[in-house]
All heavy atoms as atom14 arrays in JSON, in Angstrom:
{
  "sequence": "KRFLSIEDAFRFLEEHFLPEKATETDVTVQLHLTGEGGGDWFIR",
  "atom14_mask": [
    [1, 1, 1, 1, 1, 1, 1, 1, 1, 0, 0, 0, 0, 0],
    [1, 1, 1, 1, 1, 1, 1, 1, 1, 1, 1, 0, 0, 0],
    [1, 1, 1, 1, 1, 1, 1, 1, 1, 1, 1, 0, 0, 0],
    [1, 1, 1, 1, 1, 1, 1, 1, 0, 0, 0, 0, 0, 0],
    [1, 1, 1, 1, 1, 1, 0, 0, 0, 0, 0, 0, 0, 0],
    [1, 1, 1, 1, 1, 1, 1, 1, 0, 0, 0, 0, 0, 0],
    [1, 1, 1, 1, 1, 1, 1, 1, 1, 0, 0, 0, 0, 0],
    [1, 1, 1, 1, 1, 1, 1, 1, 0, 0, 0, 0, 0, 0],
    [1, 1, 1, 1, 1, 0, 0, 0, 0, 0, 0, 0, 0, 0],
    [1, 1, 1, 1, 1, 1, 1, 1, 1, 1, 1, 0, 0, 0],
    [1, 1, 1, 1, 1, 1, 1, 1, 1, 1, 1, 0, 0, 0],
    [1, 1, 1, 1, 1, 1, 1, 1, 1, 1, 1, 0, 0, 0],
    [1, 1, 1, 1, 1, 1, 1, 1, 0, 0, 0, 0, 0, 0],
    [1, 1, 1, 1, 1, 1, 1, 1, 1, 0, 0, 0, 0, 0],
    [1, 1, 1, 1, 1, 1, 1, 1, 1, 0, 0, 0, 0, 0],
    [1, 1, 1, 1, 1, 1, 1, 1, 1, 1, 0, 0, 0, 0],
    [1, 1, 1, 1, 1, 1, 1, 1, 1, 1, 1, 0, 0, 0],
    [1, 1, 1, 1, 1, 1, 1, 1, 0, 0, 0, 0, 0, 0],
    [1, 1, 1, 1, 1, 1, 1, 0, 0, 0, 0, 0, 0, 0],
    [1, 1, 1, 1, 1, 1, 1, 1, 1, 0, 0, 0, 0, 0],
    [1, 1, 1, 1, 1, 1, 1, 1, 1, 0, 0, 0, 0, 0],
    [1, 1, 1, 1, 1, 0, 0, 0, 0, 0, 0, 0, 0, 0],
    [1, 1, 1, 1, 1, 1, 1, 0, 0, 0, 0, 0, 0, 0],
    [1, 1, 1, 1, 1, 1, 1, 1, 1, 0, 0, 0, 0, 0],
    [1, 1, 1, 1, 1, 1, 1, 0, 0, 0, 0, 0, 0, 0],
    [1, 1, 1, 1, 1, 1, 1, 1, 0, 0, 0, 0, 0, 0],
    [1, 1, 1, 1, 1, 1, 1, 0, 0, 0, 0, 0, 0, 0],
    [1, 1, 1, 1, 1, 1, 1, 0, 0, 0, 0, 0, 0, 0],
    [1, 1, 1, 1, 1, 1, 1, 0, 0, 0, 0, 0, 0, 0],
    [1, 1, 1, 1, 1, 1, 1, 1, 1, 0, 0, 0, 0, 0],
    [1, 1, 1, 1, 1, 1, 1, 1, 0, 0, 0, 0, 0, 0],
    [1, 1, 1, 1, 1, 1, 1, 1, 1, 1, 0, 0, 0, 0],
    [1, 1, 1, 1, 1, 1, 1, 1, 0, 0, 0, 0, 0, 0],
    [1, 1, 1, 1, 1, 1, 1, 0, 0, 0, 0, 0, 0, 0],
    [1, 1, 1, 1, 0, 0, 0, 0, 0, 0, 0, 0, 0, 0],
    [1, 1, 1, 1, 1, 1, 1, 1, 1, 0, 0, 0, 0, 0],
    [1, 1, 1, 1, 0, 0, 0, 0, 0, 0, 0, 0, 0, 0],
    [1, 1, 1, 1, 0, 0, 0, 0, 0, 0, 0, 0, 0, 0],
    [1, 1, 1, 1, 0, 0, 0, 0, 0, 0, 0, 0, 0, 0],
    [1, 1, 1, 1, 1, 1, 1, 1, 0, 0, 0, 0, 0, 0],
    [1, 1, 1, 1, 1, 1, 1, 1, 1, 1, 1, 1, 1, 1],
    [1, 1, 1, 1, 1, 1, 1, 1, 1, 1, 1, 0, 0, 0],
    [1, 1, 1, 1, 1, 1, 1, 1, 0, 0, 0, 0, 0, 0],
    [1, 1, 1, 1, 1, 1, 1, 1, 1, 1, 1, 0, 0, 0]
  ],
  "atom14_positions": [
    [[153.4, -84.54, -40.35], [154.21, -85.76, -40.43], [155.52, -85.55, -39.7], [156.15, -84.5, -39.79], [154.47, -86.05, -41.91], [155.46, -87.13, -42.19], [154.77, -88.45, -42.24], [155.75, -89.51, -42.7], [155.65, -90.7, -41.97], [0.0, 0.0, 0.0], [0.0, 0.0, 0.0], [0.0, 0.0, 0.0], [0.0, 0.0, 0.0], [0.0, 0.0, 0.0]],
    [[155.96, -86.55, -38.94], [157.24, -86.5, -38.26], [158.13, -87.57, -38.85], [157.76, -88.73, -38.91], [157.06, -86.73, -36.76], [158.37, -86.73, -36.0], [158.18, -86.31, -34.57], [159.34, -86.53, -33.75], [160.53, -85.95, -33.9], [160.71, -85.1, -34.87], [161.52, -86.22, -33.1], [0.0, 0.0, 0.0], [0.0, 0.0, 0.0], [0.0, 0.0, 0.0]],
    [[159.31, -87.17, -39.29], [160.27, -88.1, -39.9], [161.16, -88.69, -38.83], [161.8, -87.96, -38.08], [161.11, -87.39, -40.97], [160.27, -86.75, -42.03], [160.11, -85.38, -42.07], [159.62, -87.53, -42.97], [159.33, -84.79, -43.04], [158.84, -86.95, -43.95], [158.68, -85.57, -43.98], [0.0, 0.0, 0.0], [0.0, 0.0, 0.0], [0.0, 0.0, 0.0]],
    [[161.2, -90.01, -38.78], [162.01, -90.69, -37.78], [163.3, -91.27, -38.4], [164.21, -91.63, -37.67], [161.21, -91.8, -37.11], [159.93, -91.33, -36.41], [159.15, -92.53, -35.88], [160.26, -90.35, -35.29], [0.0, 0.0, 0.0], [0.0, 0.0, 0.0], [0.0, 0.0, 0.0], [0.0, 0.0, 0.0], [0.0, 0.0, 0.0], [0.0, 0.0, 0.0]],
    [[163.31, -91.38, -39.73], [164.47, -91.97, -40.4], [164.65, -91.3, -41.77], [163.72, -90.68, -42.31], [164.29, -93.47, -40.59], [163.28, -93.72, -41.55], [0.0, 0.0, 0.0], [0.0, 0.0, 0.0], [0.0, 0.0, 0.0], [0.0, 0.0, 0.0], [0.0, 0.0, 0.0], [0.0, 0.0, 0.0], [0.0, 0.0, 0.0], [0.0, 0.0, 0.0]],
    [[165.82, -91.48, -42.33], [166.11, -90.95, -43.66], [165.21, -91.63, -44.69], [164.68, -90.99, -45.59], [167.61, -91.17, -44.0], [168.48, -90.35, -43.04], [167.9, -90.83, -45.45], [168.17, -88.87, -43.02], [0.0, 0.0, 0.0], [0.0, 0.0, 0.0], [0.0, 0.0, 0.0], [0.0, 0.0, 0.0], [0.0, 0.0, 0.0], [0.0, 0.0, 0.0]],
    [[165.02, -92.93, -44.55], [164.15, -93.66, -45.48], [162.73, -93.09, -45.46], [162.09, -92.96, -46.49], [164.15, -95.16, -45.14], [165.47, -95.84, -45.4], [166.54, -95.58, -44.34], [166.21, -95.09, -43.22], [167.72, -95.85, -44.63], [0.0, 0.0, 0.0], [0.0, 0.0, 0.0], [0.0, 0.0, 0.0], [0.0, 0.0, 0.0], [0.0, 0.0, 0.0]],
    [[162.26, -92.75, -44.28], [160.94, -92.15, -44.12], [160.87, -90.81, -44.87], [159.9, -90.51, -45.57], [160.67, -91.94, -42.62], [159.22, -91.64, -42.29], [158.34, -92.01, -43.08], [158.99, -91.04, -41.23], [0.0, 0.0, 0.0], [0.0, 0.0, 0.0], [0.0, 0.0, 0.0], [0.0, 0.0, 0.0], [0.0, 0.0, 0.0], [0.0, 0.0, 0.0]],
    [[161.93, -90.02, -44.75], [161.97, -88.71, -45.43], [161.99, -88.89, -46.94], [161.31, -88.15, -47.68], [163.2, -87.93, -44.96], [0.0, 0.0, 0.0], [0.0, 0.0, 0.0], [0.0, 0.0, 0.0], [0.0, 0.0, 0.0], [0.0, 0.0, 0.0], [0.0, 0.0, 0.0], [0.0, 0.0, 0.0], [0.0, 0.0, 0.0], [0.0, 0.0, 0.0]],
    [[162.76, -89.85, -47.45], [162.84, -90.07, -48.9], [161.52, -90.6, -49.45], [161.09, -90.23, -50.54], [163.97, -91.03, -49.25], [165.34, -90.44, -49.03], [166.42, -91.25, -48.77], [165.56, -89.07, -49.09], [167.69, -90.73, -48.58], [166.82, -88.52, -48.9], [167.88, -89.36, -48.65], [0.0, 0.0, 0.0], [0.0, 0.0, 0.0], [0.0, 0.0, 0.0]],
    [[160.84, -91.45, -48.67], [159.53, -91.94, -49.07], [158.55, -90.77, -49.2], [157.75, -90.69, -50.13], [159.05, -92.97, -48.04], [158.08, -93.96, -48.56], [157.78, -95.13, -47.6], [158.17, -95.0, -46.21], [159.28, -95.53, -45.69], [160.12, -96.22, -46.42], [159.55, -95.38, -44.4], [0.0, 0.0, 0.0], [0.0, 0.0, 0.0], [0.0, 0.0, 0.0]],
    [[158.63, -89.82, -48.26], [157.79, -88.63, -48.3], [158.04, -87.84, -49.6], [157.11, -87.41, -50.26], [158.09, -87.74, -47.09], [157.38, -86.41, -47.12], [156.11, -86.29, -46.6], [157.98, -85.3, -47.68], [155.45, -85.06, -46.63], [157.33, -84.07, -47.71], [156.06, -83.96, -47.19], [0.0, 0.0, 0.0], [0.0, 0.0, 0.0], [0.0, 0.0, 0.0]],
    [[159.33, -87.66, -49.96], [159.66, -86.95, -51.19], [158.99, -87.61, -52.39], [158.37, -86.94, -53.23], [161.17, -86.91, -51.43], [162.0, -86.01, -50.54], [163.48, -86.15, -50.9], [161.56, -84.57, -50.63], [0.0, 0.0, 0.0], [0.0, 0.0, 0.0], [0.0, 0.0, 0.0], [0.0, 0.0, 0.0], [0.0, 0.0, 0.0], [0.0, 0.0, 0.0]],
    [[159.1, -88.92, -52.46], [158.51, -89.64, -53.59], [157.0, -89.54, -53.62], [156.4, -89.36, -54.67], [158.96, -91.1, -53.55], [160.45, -91.26, -53.81], [161.0, -92.64, -53.46], [160.31, -93.43, -52.78], [162.14, -92.91, -53.88], [0.0, 0.0, 0.0], [0.0, 0.0, 0.0], [0.0, 0.0, 0.0], [0.0, 0.0, 0.0], [0.0, 0.0, 0.0]],
    [[156.36, -89.6, -52.45], [154.9, -89.56, -52.37], [154.33, -88.16, -52.62], [153.19, -88.03, -53.05], [154.45, -90.03, -50.98], [154.69, -91.5, -50.74], [154.46, -91.91, -49.29], [154.11, -91.04, -48.45], [154.66, -93.1, -48.99], [0.0, 0.0, 0.0], [0.0, 0.0, 0.0], [0.0, 0.0, 0.0], [0.0, 0.0, 0.0], [0.0, 0.0, 0.0]],
    [[155.12, -87.11, -52.36], [154.6, -85.73, -52.46], [155.17, -84.96, -53.64], [154.95, -83.75, -53.75], [154.85, -84.98, -51.15], [154.0, -85.52, -50.04], [154.31, -86.65, -49.34], [152.81, -85.08, -49.56], [153.35, -86.88, -48.46], [152.44, -85.96, -48.56], [0.0, 0.0, 0.0], [0.0, 0.0, 0.0], [0.0, 0.0, 0.0], [0.0, 0.0, 0.0]],
    [[155.9, -85.63, -54.5], [156.46, -85.0, -55.7], [155.34, -84.62, -56.66], [154.38, -85.36, -56.84], [157.43, -85.99, -56.37], [158.07, -85.46, -57.61], [158.92, -84.37, -57.56], [157.85, -86.07, -58.83], [159.52, -83.89, -58.71], [158.45, -85.6, -59.99], [159.29, -84.5, -59.92], [0.0, 0.0, 0.0], [0.0, 0.0, 0.0], [0.0, 0.0, 0.0]],
    [[155.46, -83.42, -57.26], [154.46, -82.93, -58.22], [155.09, -82.95, -59.61], [155.69, -81.96, -60.06], [154.04, -81.51, -57.85], [153.36, -81.35, -56.49], [153.23, -79.87, -56.11], [152.01, -82.05, -56.48], [0.0, 0.0, 0.0], [0.0, 0.0, 0.0], [0.0, 0.0, 0.0], [0.0, 0.0, 0.0], [0.0, 0.0, 0.0], [0.0, 0.0, 0.0]],
    [[154.97, -84.06, -60.33], [155.66, -84.2, -61.62], [155.23, -83.14, -62.64], [156.05, -82.7, -63.46], [155.3, -85.6, -62.09], [154.14, -86.03, -61.26], [154.21, -85.25, -59.99], [0.0, 0.0, 0.0], [0.0, 0.0, 0.0], [0.0, 0.0, 0.0], [0.0, 0.0, 0.0], [0.0, 0.0, 0.0], [0.0, 0.0, 0.0], [0.0, 0.0, 0.0]],
    [[153.98, -82.69, -62.57], [153.49, -81.69, -63.52], [154.22, -80.35, -63.38], [154.26, -79.56, -64.31], [151.98, -81.5, -63.41], [151.51, -80.9, -62.1], [151.35, -81.89, -60.94], [151.71, -83.07, -61.08], [150.83, -81.46, -59.89], [0.0, 0.0, 0.0], [0.0, 0.0, 0.0], [0.0, 0.0, 0.0], [0.0, 0.0, 0.0], [0.0, 0.0, 0.0]],
    [[154.81, -80.1, -62.21], [155.55, -78.85, -62.0], [157.04, -79.0, -62.35], [157.77, -78.03, -62.29], [155.42, -78.4, -60.54], [154.02, -77.92, -60.22], [154.0, -77.24, -58.88], [152.62, -76.65, -58.63], [152.6, -75.81, -57.44], [0.0, 0.0, 0.0], [0.0, 0.0, 0.0], [0.0, 0.0, 0.0], [0.0, 0.0, 0.0], [0.0, 0.0, 0.0]],
    [[157.45, -80.21, -62.7], [158.87, -80.48, -62.93], [159.17, -80.9, -64.36], [160.26, -81.44, -64.63], [159.35, -81.55, -61.96], [0.0, 0.0, 0.0], [0.0, 0.0, 0.0], [0.0, 0.0, 0.0], [0.0, 0.0, 0.0], [0.0, 0.0, 0.0], [0.0, 0.0, 0.0], [0.0, 0.0, 0.0], [0.0, 0.0, 0.0], [0.0, 0.0, 0.0]],
    [[158.26, -80.64, -65.28], [158.48, -81.11, -66.65], [159.68, -80.44, -67.32], [160.31, -81.04, -68.17], [157.22, -80.89, -67.52], [156.88, -79.5, -67.48], [156.06, -81.73, -67.02], [0.0, 0.0, 0.0], [0.0, 0.0, 0.0], [0.0, 0.0, 0.0], [0.0, 0.0, 0.0], [0.0, 0.0, 0.0], [0.0, 0.0, 0.0], [0.0, 0.0, 0.0]],
    [[160.01, -79.23, -66.91], [161.14, -78.49, -67.49], [162.39, -78.54, -66.6], [163.36, -77.87, -66.88], [160.75, -77.02, -67.71], [159.53, -76.81, -68.58], [159.81, -77.16, -70.03], [160.89, -76.83, -70.53], [158.92, -77.78, -70.67], [0.0, 0.0, 0.0], [0.0, 0.0, 0.0], [0.0, 0.0, 0.0], [0.0, 0.0, 0.0], [0.0, 0.0, 0.0]],
    [[162.33, -79.34, -65.55], [163.41, -79.38, -64.57], [164.4, -80.49, -64.91], [164.01, -81.6, -65.23], [162.85, -79.6, -63.16], [161.93, -78.54, -62.86], [163.96, -79.59, -62.11], [0.0, 0.0, 0.0], [0.0, 0.0, 0.0], [0.0, 0.0, 0.0], [0.0, 0.0, 0.0], [0.0, 0.0, 0.0], [0.0, 0.0, 0.0], [0.0, 0.0, 0.0]],
    [[165.67, -80.16, -64.81], [166.75, -81.13, -65.0], [167.82, -80.81, -63.97], [168.63, -79.89, -64.17], [167.3, -81.03, -66.43], [168.34, -82.09, -66.73], [168.66, -82.91, -65.86], [168.86, -82.09, -67.87], [0.0, 0.0, 0.0], [0.0, 0.0, 0.0], [0.0, 0.0, 0.0], [0.0, 0.0, 0.0], [0.0, 0.0, 0.0], [0.0, 0.0, 0.0]],
    [[167.79, -81.52, -62.83], [168.67, -81.17, -61.72], [169.09, -82.42, -60.94], [168.31, -83.37, -60.83], [167.98, -80.14, -60.8], [166.77, -80.72, -60.12], [168.92, -79.59, -59.77], [0.0, 0.0, 0.0], [0.0, 0.0, 0.0], [0.0, 0.0, 0.0], [0.0, 0.0, 0.0], [0.0, 0.0, 0.0], [0.0, 0.0, 0.0], [0.0, 0.0, 0.0]],
    [[170.3, -82.38, -60.43], [170.81, -83.44, -59.56], [171.26, -82.8, -58.25], [172.05, -81.85, -58.27], [171.98, -84.2, -60.2], [171.55, -84.78, -61.43], [172.5, -85.29, -59.28], [0.0, 0.0, 0.0], [0.0, 0.0, 0.0], [0.0, 0.0, 0.0], [0.0, 0.0, 0.0], [0.0, 0.0, 0.0], [0.0, 0.0, 0.0], [0.0, 0.0, 0.0]],
    [[170.75, -83.32, -57.14], [171.14, -82.85, -55.81], [171.83, -84.01, -55.09], [171.25, -85.1, -54.96], [169.92, -82.4, -54.99], [170.33, -81.97, -53.59], [169.17, -81.28, -55.7], [0.0, 0.0, 0.0], [0.0, 0.0, 0.0], [0.0, 0.0, 0.0], [0.0, 0.0, 0.0], [0.0, 0.0, 0.0], [0.0, 0.0, 0.0], [0.0, 0.0, 0.0]],
    [[173.06, -83.78, -54.67], [173.81, -84.78, -53.91], [173.64, -84.49, -52.42], [173.86, -83.35, -51.99], [175.29, -84.72, -54.27], [176.14, -85.73, -53.55], [175.86, -87.15, -54.0], [175.93, -87.45, -55.18], [175.54, -88.03, -53.06], [0.0, 0.0, 0.0], [0.0, 0.0, 0.0], [0.0, 0.0, 0.0], [0.0, 0.0, 0.0], [0.0, 0.0, 0.0]],
    [[173.21, -85.48, -51.66], [173.1, -85.36, -50.21], [174.21, -86.17, -49.56], [174.36, -87.36, -49.85], [171.75, -85.89, -49.71], [170.52, -85.08, -50.02], [169.28, -85.82, -49.54], [170.6, -83.72, -49.36], [0.0, 0.0, 0.0], [0.0, 0.0, 0.0], [0.0, 0.0, 0.0], [0.0, 0.0, 0.0], [0.0, 0.0, 0.0], [0.0, 0.0, 0.0]],
    [[174.98, -85.52, -48.72], [176.0, -86.2, -47.93], [175.58, -86.04, -46.48], [175.71, -84.95, -45.92], [177.38, -85.61, -48.2], [178.44, -86.25, -47.37], [178.8, -87.58, -47.51], [179.23, -85.77, -46.39], [179.75, -87.86, -46.64], [180.01, -86.78, -45.94], [0.0, 0.0, 0.0], [0.0, 0.0, 0.0], [0.0, 0.0, 0.0], [0.0, 0.0, 0.0]],
    [[175.05, -87.12, -45.91], [174.57, -87.1, -44.53], [175.62, -87.74, -43.63], [176.05, -88.87, -43.89], [173.24, -87.82, -44.41], [172.12, -87.27, -45.31], [170.86, -88.1, -45.17], [171.84, -85.82, -45.0], [0.0, 0.0, 0.0], [0.0, 0.0, 0.0], [0.0, 0.0, 0.0], [0.0, 0.0, 0.0], [0.0, 0.0, 0.0], [0.0, 0.0, 0.0]],
    [[176.04, -87.01, -42.61], [177.08, -87.49, -41.72], [176.47, -88.01, -40.43], [175.29, -87.79, -40.13], [178.08, -86.36, -41.39], [177.39, -85.3, -40.7], [178.71, -85.8, -42.66], [0.0, 0.0, 0.0], [0.0, 0.0, 0.0], [0.0, 0.0, 0.0], [0.0, 0.0, 0.0], [0.0, 0.0, 0.0], [0.0, 0.0, 0.0], [0.0, 0.0, 0.0]],
    [[177.26, -88.69, -39.63], [176.81, -89.19, -38.34], [176.01, -90.48, -38.48], [175.94, -91.1, -39.54], [0.0, 0.0, 0.0], [0.0, 0.0, 0.0], [0.0, 0.0, 0.0], [0.0, 0.0, 0.0], [0.0, 0.0, 0.0], [0.0, 0.0, 0.0], [0.0, 0.0, 0.0], [0.0, 0.0, 0.0], [0.0, 0.0, 0.0], [0.0, 0.0, 0.0]],
    [[175.4, -90.88, -37.38], [174.65, -92.12, -37.33], [173.51, -92.14, -38.35], [172.75, -91.18, -38.45], [174.07, -92.33, -35.92], [173.43, -93.68, -35.74], [172.95, -93.91, -34.32], [173.44, -93.24, -33.39], [172.07, -94.76, -34.15], [0.0, 0.0, 0.0], [0.0, 0.0, 0.0], [0.0, 0.0, 0.0], [0.0, 0.0, 0.0], [0.0, 0.0, 0.0]],
    [[173.43, -93.21, -39.12], [172.39, -93.35, -40.13], [172.69, -92.58, -41.4], [171.86, -92.49, -42.29], [0.0, 0.0, 0.0], [0.0, 0.0, 0.0], [0.0, 0.0, 0.0], [0.0, 0.0, 0.0], [0.0, 0.0, 0.0], [0.0, 0.0, 0.0], [0.0, 0.0, 0.0], [0.0, 0.0, 0.0], [0.0, 0.0, 0.0], [0.0, 0.0, 0.0]],
    [[173.89, -92.02, -41.5], [174.26, -91.2, -42.64], [174.68, -92.01, -43.85], [174.62, -93.23, -43.86], [0.0, 0.0, 0.0], [0.0, 0.0, 0.0], [0.0, 0.0, 0.0], [0.0, 0.0, 0.0], [0.0, 0.0, 0.0], [0.0, 0.0, 0.0], [0.0, 0.0, 0.0], [0.0, 0.0, 0.0], [0.0, 0.0, 0.0], [0.0, 0.0, 0.0]],
    [[175.12, -91.29, -44.84], [175.55, -91.89, -46.1], [175.36, -90.91, -47.22], [175.06, -89.73, -47.01], [0.0, 0.0, 0.0], [0.0, 0.0, 0.0], [0.0, 0.0, 0.0], [0.0, 0.0, 0.0], [0.0, 0.0, 0.0], [0.0, 0.0, 0.0], [0.0, 0.0, 0.0], [0.0, 0.0, 0.0], [0.0, 0.0, 0.0], [0.0, 0.0, 0.0]],
    [[175.52, -91.4, -48.43], [175.36, -90.57, -49.62], [174.16, -91.02, -50.42], [173.94, -92.22, -50.63], [176.62, -90.65, -50.5], [177.81, -89.96, -49.86], [177.7, -88.76, -49.6], [178.83, -90.63, -49.63], [0.0, 0.0, 0.0], [0.0, 0.0, 0.0], [0.0, 0.0, 0.0], [0.0, 0.0, 0.0], [0.0, 0.0, 0.0], [0.0, 0.0, 0.0]],
    [[173.39, -90.06, -50.87], [172.24, -90.28, -51.75], [172.21, -89.13, -52.75], [172.68, -88.04, -52.45], [170.92, -90.25, -50.98], [170.69, -91.43, -50.12], [170.0, -92.56, -50.44], [171.09, -91.59, -48.76], [169.98, -93.42, -49.36], [170.65, -92.84, -48.31], [171.82, -90.79, -47.87], [170.88, -93.33, -47.04], [172.06, -91.27, -46.6], [171.59, -92.52, -46.19]],
    [[171.63, -89.39, -53.91], [171.38, -88.27, -54.8], [169.94, -88.31, -55.28], [169.32, -89.36, -55.37], [172.38, -88.18, -55.94], [172.37, -89.32, -56.93], [171.64, -89.24, -58.1], [173.15, -90.45, -56.7], [171.64, -90.27, -59.01], [173.17, -91.48, -57.62], [172.42, -91.41, -58.78], [0.0, 0.0, 0.0], [0.0, 0.0, 0.0], [0.0, 0.0, 0.0]],
    [[169.44, -87.11, -55.49], [168.07, -86.92, -55.96], [168.19, -86.41, -57.38], [168.85, -85.38, -57.63], [167.32, -85.93, -55.07], [167.25, -86.46, -53.63], [165.92, -85.65, -55.63], [166.83, -85.44, -52.62], [0.0, 0.0, 0.0], [0.0, 0.0, 0.0], [0.0, 0.0, 0.0], [0.0, 0.0, 0.0], [0.0, 0.0, 0.0], [0.0, 0.0, 0.0]],
    [[167.56, -87.1, -58.3], [167.59, -86.7, -59.71], [166.17, -86.38, -60.15], [165.26, -87.2, -60.0], [168.14, -87.86, -60.55], [168.23, -87.57, -62.0], [169.52, -86.84, -62.29], [169.62, -86.64, -63.72], [169.67, -85.45, -64.29], [169.68, -84.36, -63.55], [169.73, -85.31, -65.57], [0.0, 0.0, 0.0], [0.0, 0.0, 0.0], [0.0, 0.0, 0.0]]
  ]
}
């Protein structure tokens, strides 16, 4: 798969997440993307 946009990459994360491996996980990751198409997102 080749990612052409941030939205494409986030969609991939959602589609390939393995919830059964994350039952004990409690984490927040803040992404600060700079430059064109950038912005702030967080993954919970």
